[in-house]
């Protein structure tokens, strides 16, 4: 599919062409103005999905972080109780 540019300011067209040339230099693959415009359209189309995925990822990371904090607290309580049990078993009284 070719994208036809009509009514676009010449400086904007030159910017698109320069950007395509930069991509060609950076990637070693020939980029045309048309390829670059299609890339921009595709990125714009996928942006809401990317934002949604990022938000879901952030929520998942927060949930994991909270779970790890809770597990750490429980583990510390468990260690403290085990130490008390050992102290009672060894000395017959709590320190």
C-alpha atoms as a PDB file:
ATOM      1  CA  UNK A   1       0.000   0.000   0.000  1.00  0.00           C
ATOM      2  CA  UNK A   2       1.315   3.404  -0.928  1.00  0.00           C
ATOM      3  CA  UNK A   3       0.478   6.452   1.117  1.00  0.00           C
ATOM      4  CA  UNK A   4      -0.135   9.520  -1.003  1.00  0.00           C
ATOM      5  CA  UNK A   5       0.673  12.872   0.542  1.00  0.00           C
ATOM      6  CA  UNK A   6      -1.515  15.711  -0.672  1.00  0.00           C
ATOM      7  CA  UNK A   7      -1.712  19.193   0.682  1.00  0.00           C
ATOM      8  CA  UNK A   8       1.311  18.624   2.919  1.00  0.00           C
ATOM      9  CA  UNK A   9       3.789  21.436   3.369  1.00  0.00           C
ATOM     10  CA  UNK A  10       7.042  20.789   1.496  1.00  0.00           C
ATOM     11  CA  UNK A  11       9.102  21.205   4.682  1.00  0.00           C
ATOM     12  CA  UNK A  12       7.094  18.391   6.295  1.00  0.00           C
ATOM     13  CA  UNK A  13       7.725  16.149   3.301  1.00  0.00           C
ATOM     14  CA  UNK A  14      11.445  16.962   3.494  1.00  0.00           C
ATOM     15  CA  UNK A  15      11.395  16.097   7.205  1.00  0.00           C
ATOM     16  CA  UNK A  16       9.829  12.707   6.409  1.00  0.00           C
ATOM     17  CA  UNK A  17      12.436  12.070   3.734  1.00  0.00           C
ATOM     18  CA  UNK A  18      15.296  13.051   6.073  1.00  0.00           C
ATOM     19  CA  UNK A  19      13.933  10.756   8.758  1.00  0.00           C
ATOM     20  CA  UNK A  20      13.704   7.883   6.263  1.00  0.00           C
ATOM     21  CA  UNK A  21      17.328   8.536   5.270  1.00  0.00           C
ATOM     22  CA  UNK A  22      18.392   8.503   8.940  1.00  0.00           C
ATOM     23  CA  UNK A  23      16.641   5.174   9.458  1.00  0.00           C
ATOM     24  CA  UNK A  24      18.348   3.788   6.377  1.00  0.00           C
ATOM     25  CA  UNK A  25      21.743   4.818   7.778  1.00  0.00           C
ATOM     26  CA  UNK A  26      21.022   3.453  11.258  1.00  0.00           C
ATOM     27  CA  UNK A  27      19.511   0.147  10.207  1.00  0.00           C
ATOM     28  CA  UNK A  28      21.340  -0.569   6.973  1.00  0.00           C
ATOM     29  CA  UNK A  29      17.954  -1.298   5.391  1.00  0.00           C
ATOM     30  CA  UNK A  30      16.504   0.994   2.720  1.00  0.00           C
ATOM     31  CA  UNK A  31      13.676   3.118   4.135  1.00  0.00           C
ATOM     32  CA  UNK A  32      11.443   5.204   1.925  1.00  0.00           C
ATOM     33  CA  UNK A  33       9.253   8.098   2.916  1.00  0.00           C
ATOM     34  CA  UNK A  34       6.290   5.818   2.329  1.00  0.00           C
ATOM     35  CA  UNK A  35       7.725   3.152   4.676  1.00  0.00           C
ATOM     36  CA  UNK A  36       8.278   5.741   7.373  1.00  0.00           C
ATOM     37  CA  UNK A  37       4.738   7.173   7.073  1.00  0.00           C
ATOM     38  CA  UNK A  38       3.277   3.658   7.288  1.00  0.00           C
ATOM     39  CA  UNK A  39       5.376   3.029  10.399  1.00  0.00           C
ATOM     40  CA  UNK A  40       4.040   6.220  12.001  1.00  0.00           C
ATOM     41  CA  UNK A  41       0.452   5.278  11.163  1.00  0.00           C
ATOM     42  CA  UNK A  42       0.957   1.791  12.607  1.00  0.00           C
ATOM     43  CA  UNK A  43       2.479   3.181  15.803  1.00  0.00           C
ATOM     44  CA  UNK A  44      -0.394   5.634  16.184  1.00  0.00           C
ATOM     45  CA  UNK A  45      -2.925   2.849  15.629  1.00  0.00           C
ATOM     46  CA  UNK A  46      -1.279   0.589  18.239  1.00  0.00           C
ATOM     47  CA  UNK A  47      -0.710   3.316  20.860  1.00  0.00           C
ATOM     48  CA  UNK A  48      -3.932   2.697  22.876  1.00  0.00           C
ATOM     49  CA  UNK A  49      -3.125  -1.026  23.058  1.00  0.00           C
ATOM     50  CA  UNK A  50       0.423  -0.293  24.198  1.00  0.00           C
ATOM     51  CA  UNK A  51      -0.870   2.062  26.903  1.00  0.00           C
ATOM     52  CA  UNK A  52      -3.372  -0.580  28.049  1.00  0.00           C
ATOM     53  CA  UNK A  53      -0.653  -3.250  28.202  1.00  0.00           C
ATOM     54  CA  UNK A  54       1.687  -0.922  30.115  1.00  0.00           C
ATOM     55  CA  UNK A  55      -1.041  -0.135  32.639  1.00  0.00           C
ATOM     56  CA  UNK A  56      -1.772  -3.842  33.142  1.00  0.00           C
ATOM     57  CA  UNK A  57       1.961  -4.533  33.548  1.00  0.00           C
ATOM     58  CA  UNK A  58       2.255  -1.752  36.136  1.00  0.00           C
ATOM     59  CA  UNK A  59      -0.687  -3.165  38.095  1.00  0.00           C
ATOM     60  CA  UNK A  60       0.841  -6.660  37.982  1.00  0.00           C
ATOM     61  CA  UNK A  61       4.193  -5.304  39.214  1.00  0.00           C
ATOM     62  CA  UNK A  62       2.457  -3.486  42.074  1.00  0.00           C
ATOM     63  CA  UNK A  63       0.609  -6.677  43.026  1.00  0.00           C
ATOM     64  CA  UNK A  64       3.827  -8.711  43.017  1.00  0.00           C
ATOM     65  CA  UNK A  65       5.574  -6.058  45.080  1.00  0.00           C
ATOM     66  CA  UNK A  66       2.792  -6.026  47.682  1.00  0.00           C
ATOM     67  CA  UNK A  67       2.750  -9.817  47.821  1.00  0.00           C
ATOM     68  CA  UNK A  68       6.517  -9.941  48.363  1.00  0.00           C
ATOM     69  CA  UNK A  69       6.275  -7.380  51.159  1.00  0.00           C
ATOM     70  CA  UNK A  70       3.534  -9.394  52.865  1.00  0.00           C
ATOM     71  CA  UNK A  71       5.531 -12.608  52.483  1.00  0.00           C
ATOM     72  CA  UNK A  72       8.575 -10.907  53.948  1.00  0.00           C
ATOM     73  CA  UNK A  73       6.573  -9.784  56.987  1.00  0.00           C
ATOM     74  CA  UNK A  74       5.157 -13.275  57.489  1.00  0.00           C
ATOM     75  CA  UNK A  75       8.626 -14.823  57.139  1.00  0.00           C
ATOM     76  CA  UNK A  76      10.069 -12.414  59.708  1.00  0.00           C
ATOM     77  CA  UNK A  77       7.244 -13.265  62.122  1.00  0.00           C
ATOM     78  CA  UNK A  78       7.853 -16.966  61.514  1.00  0.00           C
ATOM     79  CA  UNK A  79      11.576 -16.573  62.241  1.00  0.00           C
ATOM     80  CA  UNK A  80      10.821 -14.670  65.454  1.00  0.00           C
ATOM     81  CA  UNK A  81       8.429 -17.392  66.635  1.00  0.00           C
ATOM     82  CA  UNK A  82      10.955 -20.108  65.786  1.00  0.00           C
ATOM     83  CA  UNK A  83      13.613 -18.293  67.771  1.00  0.00           C
ATOM     84  CA  UNK A  84      11.262 -18.082  70.774  1.00  0.00           C
ATOM     85  CA  UNK A  85      10.455 -21.778  70.495  1.00  0.00           C
ATOM     86  CA  UNK A  86      14.159 -22.680  70.387  1.00  0.00           C
ATOM     87  CA  UNK A  87      14.856 -20.433  73.365  1.00  0.00           C
ATOM     88  CA  UNK A  88      12.047 -22.061  75.347  1.00  0.00           C
ATOM     89  CA  UNK A  89      13.247 -25.531  74.377  1.00  0.00           C
ATOM     90  CA  UNK A  90      16.877 -24.810  75.276  1.00  0.00           C
ATOM     91  CA  UNK A  91      16.484 -22.662  78.385  1.00  0.00           C
ATOM     92  CA  UNK A  92      12.939 -23.364  79.529  1.00  0.00           C
ATOM     93  CA  UNK A  93      12.115 -19.675  79.621  1.00  0.00           C
ATOM     94  CA  UNK A  94      11.786 -16.698  77.319  1.00  0.00           C
ATOM     95  CA  UNK A  95      14.703 -14.274  77.349  1.00  0.00           C
END
